[in-house]
Amino acid sequence: MQYQGQILDGQMHGEGKLLYDNNEYYEGEWSRGKRHGKGTYVYNDGSKYEGSWENDRINGEGTSWYPNGNRYHGEWVN
């Protein structure tokens, strides 16, 4: 994994981008090492989620785009 962004007390905190070993990545807000706030996750199959994160999970309002062209926008829970 490779991280570029803000750090607080040795943890990802603030704005940053994390590139995972499988070439997927998350770019957005972090809190104490967890995805938290607004952010985008891009999967290696071409799908993407953009929206709210809470405690390292998709939670709140967001949009997902899928490789087949479908899109879902709404409320997510965990």
N, C-alpha and C. Protein backbone atom coordinates (compact mmCIF):
# COMPACT_ATOMS: atom_id res chain seq x y z
N MET A 1 0.84 -1.18 0.00
CA MET A 1 0.00 0.00 0.00
C MET A 1 0.89 1.24 0.00
N GLN A 2 0.35 2.31 -0.58
CA GLN A 2 1.08 3.56 -0.65
C GLN A 2 0.13 4.70 -0.31
N TYR A 3 0.49 5.52 0.66
CA TYR A 3 -0.35 6.63 1.10
C TYR A 3 0.33 7.95 0.83
N GLN A 4 -0.46 8.90 0.34
CA GLN A 4 -0.01 10.27 0.16
C GLN A 4 -1.05 11.17 0.80
N GLY A 5 -0.64 11.96 1.77
CA GLY A 5 -1.59 12.86 2.38
C GLY A 5 -1.20 13.26 3.78
N GLN A 6 -2.17 13.79 4.48
CA GLN A 6 -1.94 14.32 5.82
C GLN A 6 -1.87 13.18 6.84
N ILE A 7 -1.07 13.41 7.89
CA ILE A 7 -0.88 12.42 8.94
C ILE A 7 -0.94 13.15 10.28
N LEU A 8 -1.53 12.49 11.27
CA LEU A 8 -1.57 13.01 12.64
C LEU A 8 -1.22 11.87 13.58
N ASP A 9 -0.24 12.07 14.39
CA ASP A 9 0.22 11.05 15.35
C ASP A 9 0.48 9.71 14.67
N GLY A 10 1.09 9.75 13.48
CA GLY A 10 1.45 8.53 12.77
C GLY A 10 0.31 7.83 12.06
N GLN A 11 -0.87 8.44 12.01
CA GLN A 11 -2.03 7.84 11.34
C GLN A 11 -2.52 8.75 10.22
N MET A 12 -3.14 8.13 9.21
CA MET A 12 -3.77 8.90 8.14
C MET A 12 -4.88 9.74 8.77
N HIS A 13 -4.82 11.05 8.54
CA HIS A 13 -5.80 11.95 9.16
C HIS A 13 -5.86 13.23 8.34
N GLY A 14 -7.07 13.61 7.94
CA GLY A 14 -7.23 14.77 7.07
C GLY A 14 -7.50 14.30 5.65
N GLU A 15 -6.91 14.95 4.68
CA GLU A 15 -7.08 14.58 3.27
C GLU A 15 -5.94 13.68 2.82
N GLY A 16 -6.29 12.63 2.04
CA GLY A 16 -5.23 11.78 1.54
C GLY A 16 -5.73 10.73 0.57
N LYS A 17 -4.78 10.06 -0.05
CA LYS A 17 -5.08 9.01 -1.03
C LYS A 17 -4.28 7.76 -0.67
N LEU A 18 -4.98 6.62 -0.62
CA LEU A 18 -4.33 5.34 -0.33
C LEU A 18 -4.50 4.44 -1.54
N LEU A 19 -3.38 4.02 -2.11
CA LEU A 19 -3.38 3.08 -3.23
C LEU A 19 -3.09 1.69 -2.66
N TYR A 20 -4.03 0.77 -2.88
CA TYR A 20 -3.89 -0.59 -2.37
C TYR A 20 -3.06 -1.42 -3.35
N ASP A 21 -2.55 -2.55 -2.86
CA ASP A 21 -1.69 -3.42 -3.67
C ASP A 21 -2.40 -3.97 -4.91
N ASN A 22 -3.74 -4.04 -4.89
CA ASN A 22 -4.50 -4.56 -6.04
C ASN A 22 -4.89 -3.45 -7.02
N ASN A 23 -4.29 -2.26 -6.86
CA ASN A 23 -4.52 -1.07 -7.70
C ASN A 23 -5.86 -0.38 -7.46
N GLU A 24 -6.63 -0.80 -6.48
CA GLU A 24 -7.79 -0.04 -6.07
C GLU A 24 -7.29 1.12 -5.22
N TYR A 25 -8.10 2.18 -5.10
CA TYR A 25 -7.66 3.28 -4.25
C TYR A 25 -8.83 4.01 -3.62
N TYR A 26 -8.53 4.63 -2.50
CA TYR A 26 -9.47 5.51 -1.80
C TYR A 26 -8.83 6.89 -1.75
N GLU A 27 -9.62 7.89 -2.06
CA GLU A 27 -9.15 9.27 -1.98
C GLU A 27 -10.21 10.09 -1.28
N GLY A 28 -9.82 10.77 -0.21
CA GLY A 28 -10.78 11.59 0.51
C GLY A 28 -10.34 11.87 1.92
N GLU A 29 -11.32 11.93 2.81
CA GLU A 29 -11.07 12.32 4.19
C GLU A 29 -10.80 11.09 5.06
N TRP A 30 -9.88 11.31 6.02
CA TRP A 30 -9.47 10.28 6.97
C TRP A 30 -9.62 10.82 8.38
N SER A 31 -9.88 9.92 9.34
CA SER A 31 -9.87 10.29 10.74
C SER A 31 -9.21 9.17 11.54
N ARG A 32 -8.05 9.47 12.10
CA ARG A 32 -7.32 8.51 12.93
C ARG A 32 -7.13 7.15 12.25
N GLY A 33 -6.73 7.18 10.98
CA GLY A 33 -6.41 5.96 10.25
C GLY A 33 -7.59 5.28 9.58
N LYS A 34 -8.79 5.86 9.69
CA LYS A 34 -9.99 5.26 9.09
C LYS A 34 -10.61 6.21 8.08
N ARG A 35 -11.19 5.63 7.02
CA ARG A 35 -11.91 6.45 6.05
C ARG A 35 -13.13 7.02 6.77
N HIS A 36 -13.23 8.34 6.75
CA HIS A 36 -14.29 9.00 7.52
C HIS A 36 -14.53 10.38 6.94
N GLY A 37 -15.77 10.63 6.51
CA GLY A 37 -16.12 11.90 5.87
C GLY A 37 -16.48 11.64 4.42
N LYS A 38 -16.11 12.52 3.54
CA LYS A 38 -16.38 12.38 2.10
C LYS A 38 -15.19 11.73 1.42
N GLY A 39 -15.49 10.77 0.53
CA GLY A 39 -14.39 10.13 -0.18
C GLY A 39 -14.87 9.29 -1.34
N THR A 40 -13.91 8.87 -2.15
CA THR A 40 -14.17 8.07 -3.35
C THR A 40 -13.31 6.82 -3.31
N TYR A 41 -13.94 5.68 -3.57
CA TYR A 41 -13.22 4.41 -3.67
C TYR A 41 -13.39 3.91 -5.09
N VAL A 42 -12.28 3.62 -5.77
CA VAL A 42 -12.31 3.12 -7.14
C VAL A 42 -11.81 1.68 -7.13
N TYR A 43 -12.65 0.78 -7.62
CA TYR A 43 -12.35 -0.65 -7.66
C TYR A 43 -11.65 -1.00 -8.97
N ASN A 44 -10.88 -2.07 -8.97
CA ASN A 44 -10.13 -2.42 -10.18
C ASN A 44 -11.01 -2.99 -11.28
N ASP A 45 -12.29 -3.27 -11.03
CA ASP A 45 -13.20 -3.72 -12.09
C ASP A 45 -13.89 -2.55 -12.79
N GLY A 46 -13.55 -1.32 -12.38
CA GLY A 46 -14.12 -0.14 -13.01
C GLY A 46 -15.27 0.48 -12.24
N SER A 47 -15.77 -0.20 -11.22
CA SER A 47 -16.84 0.39 -10.43
C SER A 47 -16.26 1.41 -9.46
N LYS A 48 -17.15 2.28 -8.94
CA LYS A 48 -16.69 3.38 -8.10
C LYS A 48 -17.79 3.76 -7.13
N TYR A 49 -17.41 4.10 -5.90
CA TYR A 49 -18.32 4.68 -4.92
C TYR A 49 -17.81 6.06 -4.55
N GLU A 50 -18.72 7.02 -4.52
CA GLU A 50 -18.38 8.38 -4.12
C GLU A 50 -19.44 8.86 -3.14
N GLY A 51 -18.99 9.25 -1.94
CA GLY A 51 -19.95 9.72 -0.95
C GLY A 51 -19.42 9.68 0.45
N SER A 52 -20.30 9.41 1.39
CA SER A 52 -19.99 9.48 2.81
C SER A 52 -19.44 8.17 3.35
N TRP A 53 -18.50 8.33 4.28
CA TRP A 53 -17.88 7.20 4.99
C TRP A 53 -17.96 7.51 6.48
N GLU A 54 -18.12 6.46 7.26
CA GLU A 54 -18.12 6.61 8.70
C GLU A 54 -17.40 5.42 9.33
N ASN A 55 -16.37 5.71 10.09
CA ASN A 55 -15.62 4.67 10.80
C ASN A 55 -15.15 3.55 9.87
N ASP A 56 -14.62 3.92 8.71
CA ASP A 56 -14.04 3.02 7.72
C ASP A 56 -15.07 2.23 6.91
N ARG A 57 -16.34 2.63 6.96
CA ARG A 57 -17.39 1.93 6.19
C ARG A 57 -18.22 2.94 5.39
N ILE A 58 -18.73 2.48 4.27
CA ILE A 58 -19.66 3.29 3.48
C ILE A 58 -20.90 3.51 4.33
N ASN A 59 -21.24 4.75 4.56
CA ASN A 59 -22.40 5.05 5.41
C ASN A 59 -22.87 6.47 5.13
N GLY A 60 -24.15 6.63 4.83
CA GLY A 60 -24.70 7.94 4.53
C GLY A 60 -25.01 8.06 3.05
N GLU A 61 -25.09 9.28 2.56
CA GLU A 61 -25.46 9.52 1.16
C GLU A 61 -24.27 9.29 0.24
N GLY A 62 -24.53 8.58 -0.86
CA GLY A 62 -23.47 8.34 -1.82
C GLY A 62 -24.00 7.76 -3.12
N THR A 63 -23.08 7.64 -4.07
CA THR A 63 -23.41 7.11 -5.40
C THR A 63 -22.41 6.04 -5.78
N SER A 64 -22.93 4.93 -6.33
CA SER A 64 -22.07 3.89 -6.88
C SER A 64 -22.34 3.76 -8.36
N TRP A 65 -21.25 3.62 -9.11
CA TRP A 65 -21.32 3.36 -10.54
C TRP A 65 -20.76 1.96 -10.77
N TYR A 66 -21.40 1.21 -11.65
CA TYR A 66 -21.01 -0.18 -11.89
C TYR A 66 -20.53 -0.35 -13.33
N PRO A 67 -19.69 -1.36 -13.59
CA PRO A 67 -19.14 -1.56 -14.94
C PRO A 67 -20.20 -1.73 -16.03
N ASN A 68 -21.38 -2.24 -15.68
CA ASN A 68 -22.43 -2.45 -16.68
C ASN A 68 -23.20 -1.17 -17.01
N GLY A 69 -22.80 -0.06 -16.39
CA GLY A 69 -23.46 1.22 -16.66
C GLY A 69 -24.52 1.59 -15.65
N ASN A 70 -24.91 0.69 -14.78
CA ASN A 70 -25.90 1.01 -13.75
C ASN A 70 -25.31 1.96 -12.72
N ARG A 71 -26.22 2.67 -12.07
CA ARG A 71 -25.81 3.63 -11.04
C ARG A 71 -26.84 3.59 -9.93
N TYR A 72 -26.38 3.69 -8.69
CA TYR A 72 -27.28 3.79 -7.55
C TYR A 72 -26.88 5.03 -6.74
N HIS A 73 -27.88 5.87 -6.44
CA HIS A 73 -27.65 7.02 -5.59
C HIS A 73 -28.66 6.97 -4.46
N GLY A 74 -28.18 7.10 -3.23
CA GLY A 74 -29.10 7.09 -2.10
C GLY A 74 -28.36 6.95 -0.79
N GLU A 75 -29.08 6.47 0.20
CA GLU A 75 -28.54 6.29 1.54
C GLU A 75 -27.95 4.89 1.68
N TRP A 76 -26.79 4.83 2.29
CA TRP A 76 -26.09 3.57 2.55
C TRP A 76 -25.94 3.39 4.04
N VAL A 77 -26.02 2.15 4.51
CA VAL A 77 -25.77 1.84 5.90
C VAL A 77 -24.70 0.77 5.96
N ASN A 78 -23.54 1.12 6.53
CA ASN A 78 -22.40 0.20 6.66
C ASN A 78 -22.05 -0.44 5.34
